[in-house]
C-alpha atoms as a PDB file:
ATOM      1  CA  MET A   1      36.216  14.568  29.288  1.00  0.00           C
ATOM      2  CA  PHE A   2      37.617  17.763  27.840  1.00  0.00           C
ATOM      3  CA  GLY A   3      40.923  16.057  27.030  1.00  0.00           C
ATOM      4  CA  LEU A   4      39.063  13.742  24.651  1.00  0.00           C
ATOM      5  CA  PHE A   5      39.447  16.113  21.719  1.00  0.00           C
ATOM      6  CA  LYS A   6      42.911  17.390  22.587  1.00  0.00           C
ATOM      7  CA  LYS A   7      45.339  17.073  19.701  1.00  0.00           C
ATOM      8  CA  LYS A   8      48.563  15.220  20.292  1.00  0.00           C
ATOM      9  CA  THR A   9      51.809  17.125  20.070  1.00  0.00           C
ATOM     10  CA  GLU A  10      54.484  16.075  17.610  1.00  0.00           C
ATOM     11  CA  THR A  11      56.538  14.672  20.487  1.00  0.00           C
ATOM     12  CA  GLU A  12      53.631  12.529  21.687  1.00  0.00           C
ATOM     13  CA  LYS A  13      53.103  11.159  18.179  1.00  0.00           C
ATOM     14  CA  LEU A  14      56.792  10.286  17.883  1.00  0.00           C
ATOM     15  CA  GLN A  15      56.802   8.644  21.315  1.00  0.00           C
ATOM     16  CA  ASN A  16      53.864   6.451  20.322  1.00  0.00           C
ATOM     17  CA  ARG A  17      55.633   5.519  17.082  1.00  0.00           C
ATOM     18  CA  TYR A  18      58.810   4.733  19.046  1.00  0.00           C
ATOM     19  CA  LYS A  19      56.924   2.449  21.445  1.00  0.00           C
ATOM     20  CA  LYS A  20      55.307   0.620  18.526  1.00  0.00           C
ATOM     21  CA  LEU A  21      58.653   0.139  16.770  1.00  0.00           C
ATOM     22  CA  MET A  22      60.289  -1.148  19.933  1.00  0.00           C
ATOM     23  CA  ALA A  23      57.469  -3.660  20.417  1.00  0.00           C
ATOM     24  CA  GLU A  24      57.913  -4.863  16.823  1.00  0.00           C
ATOM     25  CA  TRP A  25      61.678  -5.047  17.368  1.00  0.00           C
ATOM     26  CA  HIS A  26      61.185  -7.179  20.457  1.00  0.00           C
ATOM     27  CA  ASN A  27      58.818  -9.553  18.643  1.00  0.00           C
ATOM     28  CA  LEU A  28      61.205  -9.935  15.704  1.00  0.00           C
ATOM     29  CA  SER A  29      64.306 -10.356  17.862  1.00  0.00           C
ATOM     30  CA  SER A  30      63.684 -14.049  18.368  1.00  0.00           C
ATOM     31  CA  THR A  31      62.714 -14.939  14.802  1.00  0.00           C
ATOM     32  CA  ASP A  32      64.323 -12.661  12.198  1.00  0.00           C
ATOM     33  CA  ARG A  33      67.544 -10.983  13.246  1.00  0.00           C
ATOM     34  CA  SER A  34      67.985  -8.759  10.168  1.00  0.00           C
ATOM     35  CA  ALA A  35      64.417  -7.436  10.330  1.00  0.00           C
ATOM     36  CA  SER A  36      64.884  -6.912  14.056  1.00  0.00           C
ATOM     37  CA  ASP A  37      68.010  -4.841  13.444  1.00  0.00           C
ATOM     38  CA  ALA A  38      66.184  -2.738  10.841  1.00  0.00           C
ATOM     39  CA  LYS A  39      63.333  -2.016  13.271  1.00  0.00           C
ATOM     40  CA  TYR A  40      65.805  -1.069  15.964  1.00  0.00           C
ATOM     41  CA  ALA A  41      67.592   1.336  13.626  1.00  0.00           C
ATOM     42  CA  GLU A  42      64.273   2.905  12.653  1.00  0.00           C
ATOM     43  CA  ALA A  43      63.341   3.282  16.334  1.00  0.00           C
ATOM     44  CA  GLN A  44      66.672   4.966  17.021  1.00  0.00           C
ATOM     45  CA  GLU A  45      65.991   7.503  14.257  1.00  0.00           C
ATOM     46  CA  VAL A  46      62.632   8.305  15.837  1.00  0.00           C
ATOM     47  CA  LEU A  47      64.316   8.659  19.223  1.00  0.00           C
ATOM     48  CA  ASP A  48      66.790  11.132  17.708  1.00  0.00           C
ATOM     49  CA  GLU A  49      63.879  13.179  16.346  1.00  0.00           C
ATOM     50  CA  ILE A  50      62.250  13.199  19.794  1.00  0.00           C
ATOM     51  CA  GLU A  51      65.469  14.429  21.381  1.00  0.00           C
ATOM     52  CA  LYS A  52      65.792  17.223  18.804  1.00  0.00           C
ATOM     53  CA  LEU A  53      62.247  18.391  19.497  1.00  0.00           C
ATOM     54  CA  GLU A  54      62.794  18.348  23.264  1.00  0.00           C
ATOM     55  CA  GLN A  55      65.947  20.483  22.943  1.00  0.00           C
ATOM     56  CA  HIS A  56      64.076  23.322  21.273  1.00  0.00           C
END
């Protein structure tokens, strides 16, 4: 109950964004290859940001 109002860390926010982008990438992979590639590239950028935050 007390965790209900806990704020998310920057890493948690980025991980949620990464999961959402990967889901969109997967959905687009069978219909629109160029949009799928763009989503994947965006997800990789988010993953790089996550890795930078975890190193510090």
